[in-house]
Amino acid sequence: MSQAPSILVNGIYLNLVEPLWQVIPSSGVLLIADWVLPEGSSPSQGKLVDLTMLLMTGGRERTESEWKALLNRGGFAVKRADIQEALVVAEPFEPTL
């Protein structure tokens, strides 16, 4: 059985996010149910999941600042990244050139 590609690899992830930016209205919201790792070396269950993903699929989990940078490149601004709820909330924005 072949393994599905990880959407957490930056290039593939952006291939999924950018088309969403084109179809979500300016008043819309993008909800991502995924771990948000705490910054630094504080303990977190998400860090164990991160290690498991890295070893099994080559994927990884992200901190709030990493989510912001990644989604920003896809045309979204992170409004909330909740470590406890494993939820990222982002809104589309019109990129400036």
Protein backbone atom coordinates (compact mmCIF):
# COMPACT_ATOMS: atom_id res chain seq x y z
CA MET A 1 0.00 0.00 0.00
CA SER A 2 1.46 3.37 -0.93
CA GLN A 3 1.61 6.12 1.66
CA ALA A 4 -0.31 9.36 1.06
CA PRO A 5 1.99 12.37 0.73
CA SER A 6 2.25 14.51 3.84
CA ILE A 7 0.48 17.84 3.45
CA LEU A 8 2.87 19.23 6.03
CA VAL A 9 5.74 19.45 3.57
CA ASN A 10 5.95 23.14 2.70
CA GLY A 11 5.68 22.88 -1.09
CA ILE A 12 2.79 20.44 -1.04
CA TYR A 13 1.08 22.34 1.77
CA LEU A 14 1.23 25.59 -0.17
CA ASN A 15 -0.17 23.81 -3.22
CA LEU A 16 -3.23 23.07 -1.09
CA VAL A 17 -3.51 26.47 0.63
CA GLU A 18 -3.10 28.83 -2.33
CA PRO A 19 -6.18 27.54 -4.24
CA LEU A 20 -8.20 27.96 -1.03
CA TRP A 21 -7.22 31.62 -0.96
CA GLN A 22 -8.78 31.99 -4.42
CA VAL A 23 -12.17 30.55 -3.41
CA ILE A 24 -12.63 31.63 0.21
CA PRO A 25 -14.42 35.01 0.32
CA SER A 26 -12.66 37.93 2.03
CA SER A 27 -15.02 37.46 4.99
CA GLY A 28 -14.27 33.71 5.14
CA VAL A 29 -12.14 31.75 7.59
CA LEU A 30 -9.70 28.89 7.14
CA LEU A 31 -9.73 26.39 10.03
CA ILE A 32 -6.84 23.97 10.38
CA ALA A 33 -7.17 21.23 12.99
CA ASP A 34 -3.52 20.50 13.70
CA TRP A 35 -1.02 20.71 16.52
CA VAL A 36 0.48 24.07 17.42
CA LEU A 37 3.75 23.48 19.22
CA PRO A 38 4.83 25.79 22.01
CA GLU A 39 7.93 27.87 21.31
CA GLY A 40 11.17 26.88 23.02
CA SER A 41 11.84 23.78 25.06
CA SER A 42 8.68 23.62 27.15
CA PRO A 43 7.14 20.11 27.26
CA SER A 44 4.16 19.34 25.03
CA GLN A 45 2.29 16.29 23.81
CA GLY A 46 2.47 17.87 20.37
CA LYS A 47 6.25 17.52 20.42
CA LEU A 48 5.87 13.75 20.80
CA VAL A 49 3.49 13.76 17.82
CA ASP A 50 6.05 15.88 15.94
CA LEU A 51 8.77 13.31 16.56
CA THR A 52 6.47 10.46 15.49
CA MET A 53 5.50 12.27 12.28
CA LEU A 54 9.12 13.03 11.48
CA LEU A 55 10.15 9.40 11.90
CA MET A 56 7.15 7.81 10.15
CA THR A 57 6.25 10.22 7.34
CA GLY A 58 8.94 12.88 7.14
CA GLY A 59 6.29 15.45 8.13
CA ARG A 60 6.41 17.79 11.08
CA GLU A 61 4.30 19.93 13.37
CA ARG A 62 4.71 23.71 13.66
CA THR A 63 4.91 26.50 16.21
CA GLU A 64 2.62 29.53 15.98
CA SER A 65 5.35 31.59 14.31
CA GLU A 66 5.94 28.82 11.74
CA TRP A 67 2.19 28.62 11.00
CA LYS A 68 2.11 32.41 10.53
CA ALA A 69 5.04 32.40 8.11
CA LEU A 70 3.69 29.46 6.09
CA LEU A 71 0.10 30.66 5.83
CA ASN A 72 1.19 34.20 5.08
CA ARG A 73 2.97 32.91 1.98
CA GLY A 74 -0.33 31.31 0.96
CA GLY A 75 -2.33 34.55 1.37
CA PHE A 76 -3.69 33.99 4.87
CA ALA A 77 -3.19 35.85 8.16
CA VAL A 78 -3.29 33.74 11.33
CA LYS A 79 -5.83 35.18 13.77
CA ARG A 80 -5.53 32.46 16.38
CA ALA A 81 -3.24 29.49 16.98
CA ASP A 82 -4.43 27.51 19.98
CA ILE A 83 -1.96 25.06 21.51
CA GLN A 84 -4.58 23.44 23.78
CA GLU A 85 -7.24 22.96 21.09
CA ALA A 86 -4.79 22.10 18.27
CA LEU A 87 -6.49 24.68 16.06
CA VAL A 88 -5.25 27.37 13.70
CA VAL A 89 -7.69 30.06 12.52
CA ALA A 90 -6.68 32.20 9.55
CA GLU A 91 -8.33 34.78 7.30
CA PRO A 92 -7.51 35.57 3.69
CA PHE A 93 -5.85 38.86 2.87
CA GLU A 94 -5.03 40.64 -0.37
CA PRO A 95 -1.27 40.33 -0.83
CA THR A 96 0.58 43.52 -1.69
CA LEU A 97 3.08 43.45 -4.52
